[in-house]
Amino acid sequence: MDVFRLNGLLIAVGDAMAEPSGQTTARWRVLAAIGDAPLTVAQIARAWWLTRQSVQRVADVLVKDGLAEYESLGAEIGEAELRQANATLTRVLEALTSS
């Protein structure tokens, strides 16, 4: 019980400290996670033991506010290769579900 009370208190104190800059504990956690190297939403969620959906929501807000940005790997890999990879995955899924 004390661990959960401490967690709640730390979040409240973190929110109070971050509020003057328009941030929240959730937002600074995501910002801290991407500070040194770009990470995926799933990697950030795993690092902080959060759900991917909650990190996605915060990341979307940070991007909207101009504090973070999504990098597109598709441009680096190329549309043709991505379409081929998608077609291959579709065939693998079909083979697995039809057996």
C-alpha atoms as a PDB file:
ATOM      1  CA  MET A   1       0.000   0.000   0.000  1.00  0.00           C
ATOM      2  CA  ASP A   2       2.785   2.420   0.870  1.00  0.00           C
ATOM      3  CA  VAL A   3       4.417   1.892  -2.519  1.00  0.00           C
ATOM      4  CA  PHE A   4       1.219   2.988  -4.281  1.00  0.00           C
ATOM      5  CA  ARG A   5       0.824   5.982  -1.963  1.00  0.00           C
ATOM      6  CA  LEU A   6       4.437   6.981  -2.669  1.00  0.00           C
ATOM      7  CA  ASN A   7       3.862   6.628  -6.418  1.00  0.00           C
ATOM      8  CA  GLY A   8       0.793   8.868  -6.196  1.00  0.00           C
ATOM      9  CA  LEU A   9       2.706  11.439  -4.176  1.00  0.00           C
ATOM     10  CA  LEU A  10       5.642  11.442  -6.610  1.00  0.00           C
ATOM     11  CA  ILE A  11       3.284  11.959  -9.539  1.00  0.00           C
ATOM     12  CA  ALA A  12       1.507  14.807  -7.732  1.00  0.00           C
ATOM     13  CA  VAL A  13       4.808  16.494  -6.851  1.00  0.00           C
ATOM     14  CA  GLY A  14       6.104  15.953 -10.398  1.00  0.00           C
ATOM     15  CA  ASP A  15       2.942  17.457 -11.869  1.00  0.00           C
ATOM     16  CA  ALA A  16       3.221  20.461  -9.554  1.00  0.00           C
ATOM     17  CA  MET A  17       6.862  21.007 -10.562  1.00  0.00           C
ATOM     18  CA  ALA A  18       6.112  20.617 -14.280  1.00  0.00           C
ATOM     19  CA  GLU A  19       2.924  22.721 -14.328  1.00  0.00           C
ATOM     20  CA  PRO A  20       4.598  26.159 -14.657  1.00  0.00           C
ATOM     21  CA  SER A  21       6.134  25.023 -17.949  1.00  0.00           C
ATOM     22  CA  GLY A  22       2.843  23.552 -19.167  1.00  0.00           C
ATOM     23  CA  GLN A  23       3.995  19.978 -18.702  1.00  0.00           C
ATOM     24  CA  THR A  24       2.792  16.960 -16.741  1.00  0.00           C
ATOM     25  CA  THR A  25       4.591  13.997 -15.259  1.00  0.00           C
ATOM     26  CA  ALA A  26       3.442  11.880 -18.201  1.00  0.00           C
ATOM     27  CA  ARG A  27       4.775  14.392 -20.711  1.00  0.00           C
ATOM     28  CA  TRP A  28       8.185  14.804 -19.066  1.00  0.00           C
ATOM     29  CA  ARG A  29       8.535  11.016 -18.799  1.00  0.00           C
ATOM     30  CA  VAL A  30       8.102  10.673 -22.558  1.00  0.00           C
ATOM     31  CA  LEU A  31      10.379  13.645 -23.236  1.00  0.00           C
ATOM     32  CA  ALA A  32      13.032  12.181 -20.925  1.00  0.00           C
ATOM     33  CA  ALA A  33      12.826   8.838 -22.717  1.00  0.00           C
ATOM     34  CA  ILE A  34      13.558  10.398 -26.114  1.00  0.00           C
ATOM     35  CA  GLY A  35      16.248  12.756 -24.853  1.00  0.00           C
ATOM     36  CA  ASP A  36      19.333  10.944 -26.148  1.00  0.00           C
ATOM     37  CA  ALA A  37      18.096   8.724 -28.955  1.00  0.00           C
ATOM     38  CA  PRO A  38      14.898   8.274 -30.898  1.00  0.00           C
ATOM     39  CA  LEU A  39      12.736   5.488 -29.497  1.00  0.00           C
ATOM     40  CA  THR A  40       9.498   3.986 -30.653  1.00  0.00           C
ATOM     41  CA  VAL A  41       6.322   4.459 -28.642  1.00  0.00           C
ATOM     42  CA  ALA A  42       6.457   0.766 -27.721  1.00  0.00           C
ATOM     43  CA  GLN A  43      10.057   1.086 -26.485  1.00  0.00           C
ATOM     44  CA  ILE A  44       9.138   4.063 -24.297  1.00  0.00           C
ATOM     45  CA  ALA A  45       6.141   2.190 -22.901  1.00  0.00           C
ATOM     46  CA  ARG A  46       8.294  -0.808 -21.998  1.00  0.00           C
ATOM     47  CA  ALA A  47      10.981   1.391 -20.411  1.00  0.00           C
ATOM     48  CA  TRP A  48       8.446   3.102 -18.131  1.00  0.00           C
ATOM     49  CA  TRP A  49       6.140   0.082 -17.628  1.00  0.00           C
ATOM     50  CA  LEU A  50       3.259   1.956 -19.250  1.00  0.00           C
ATOM     51  CA  THR A  51       0.716   0.918 -21.839  1.00  0.00           C
ATOM     52  CA  ARG A  52       1.620   1.641 -25.442  1.00  0.00           C
ATOM     53  CA  GLN A  53      -1.709   3.418 -25.878  1.00  0.00           C
ATOM     54  CA  SER A  54      -1.061   5.868 -23.039  1.00  0.00           C
ATOM     55  CA  VAL A  55       2.400   6.697 -24.381  1.00  0.00           C
ATOM     56  CA  GLN A  56       0.957   7.080 -27.901  1.00  0.00           C
ATOM     57  CA  ARG A  57      -1.591   9.593 -26.599  1.00  0.00           C
ATOM     58  CA  VAL A  58       1.090  11.652 -24.843  1.00  0.00           C
ATOM     59  CA  ALA A  59       3.457  11.424 -27.826  1.00  0.00           C
ATOM     60  CA  ASP A  60       0.721  12.663 -30.151  1.00  0.00           C
ATOM     61  CA  VAL A  61       0.169  15.697 -27.911  1.00  0.00           C
ATOM     62  CA  LEU A  62       3.902  16.416 -27.719  1.00  0.00           C
ATOM     63  CA  VAL A  63       4.144  16.281 -31.512  1.00  0.00           C
ATOM     64  CA  LYS A  64       1.092  18.541 -31.864  1.00  0.00           C
ATOM     65  CA  ASP A  65       2.702  21.018 -29.446  1.00  0.00           C
ATOM     66  CA  GLY A  66       5.976  20.968 -31.408  1.00  0.00           C
ATOM     67  CA  LEU A  67       8.001  19.400 -28.586  1.00  0.00           C
ATOM     68  CA  ALA A  68       8.687  16.118 -30.406  1.00  0.00           C
ATOM     69  CA  GLU A  69       8.402  14.749 -33.896  1.00  0.00           C
ATOM     70  CA  TYR A  70       7.842  11.392 -35.528  1.00  0.00           C
ATOM     71  CA  GLU A  71      10.571  10.209 -37.882  1.00  0.00           C
ATOM     72  CA  SER A  72       9.437   8.293 -40.963  1.00  0.00           C
ATOM     73  CA  LEU A  73      11.472   5.183 -41.633  1.00  0.00           C
ATOM     74  CA  GLY A  74       9.344   4.590 -44.700  1.00  0.00           C
ATOM     75  CA  ALA A  75      11.197   7.300 -46.601  1.00  0.00           C
ATOM     76  CA  GLU A  76      14.512   5.641 -45.787  1.00  0.00           C
ATOM     77  CA  ILE A  77      13.364   2.119 -46.709  1.00  0.00           C
ATOM     78  CA  GLY A  78      11.270   3.067 -49.715  1.00  0.00           C
ATOM     79  CA  GLU A  79       7.665   2.465 -50.670  1.00  0.00           C
ATOM     80  CA  ALA A  80       8.359  -0.548 -52.911  1.00  0.00           C
ATOM     81  CA  GLU A  81      10.206  -2.439 -50.164  1.00  0.00           C
ATOM     82  CA  LEU A  82       7.537  -1.593 -47.590  1.00  0.00           C
ATOM     83  CA  ARG A  83       4.793  -2.852 -49.905  1.00  0.00           C
ATOM     84  CA  GLN A  84       6.775  -6.052 -50.535  1.00  0.00           C
ATOM     85  CA  ALA A  85       7.269  -6.565 -46.794  1.00  0.00           C
ATOM     86  CA  ASN A  86       3.556  -6.045 -46.215  1.00  0.00           C
ATOM     87  CA  ALA A  87       2.689  -8.557 -48.954  1.00  0.00           C
ATOM     88  CA  THR A  88       5.063 -11.103 -47.432  1.00  0.00           C
ATOM     89  CA  LEU A  89       3.579 -10.642 -43.959  1.00  0.00           C
ATOM     90  CA  THR A  90       0.081 -11.022 -45.390  1.00  0.00           C
ATOM     91  CA  ARG A  91       1.098 -14.348 -47.003  1.00  0.00           C
ATOM     92  CA  VAL A  92       2.656 -15.550 -43.725  1.00  0.00           C
ATOM     93  CA  LEU A  93      -0.510 -14.676 -41.799  1.00  0.00           C
ATOM     94  CA  GLU A  94      -2.708 -16.396 -44.385  1.00  0.00           C
ATOM     95  CA  ALA A  95      -0.545 -19.523 -44.230  1.00  0.00           C
ATOM     96  CA  LEU A  96      -0.664 -19.602 -40.443  1.00  0.00           C
ATOM     97  CA  THR A  97      -4.406 -19.071 -40.198  1.00  0.00           C
ATOM     98  CA  SER A  98      -5.316 -21.555 -42.941  1.00  0.00           C
ATOM     99  CA  SER A  99      -3.433 -24.469 -41.446  1.00  0.00           C
END
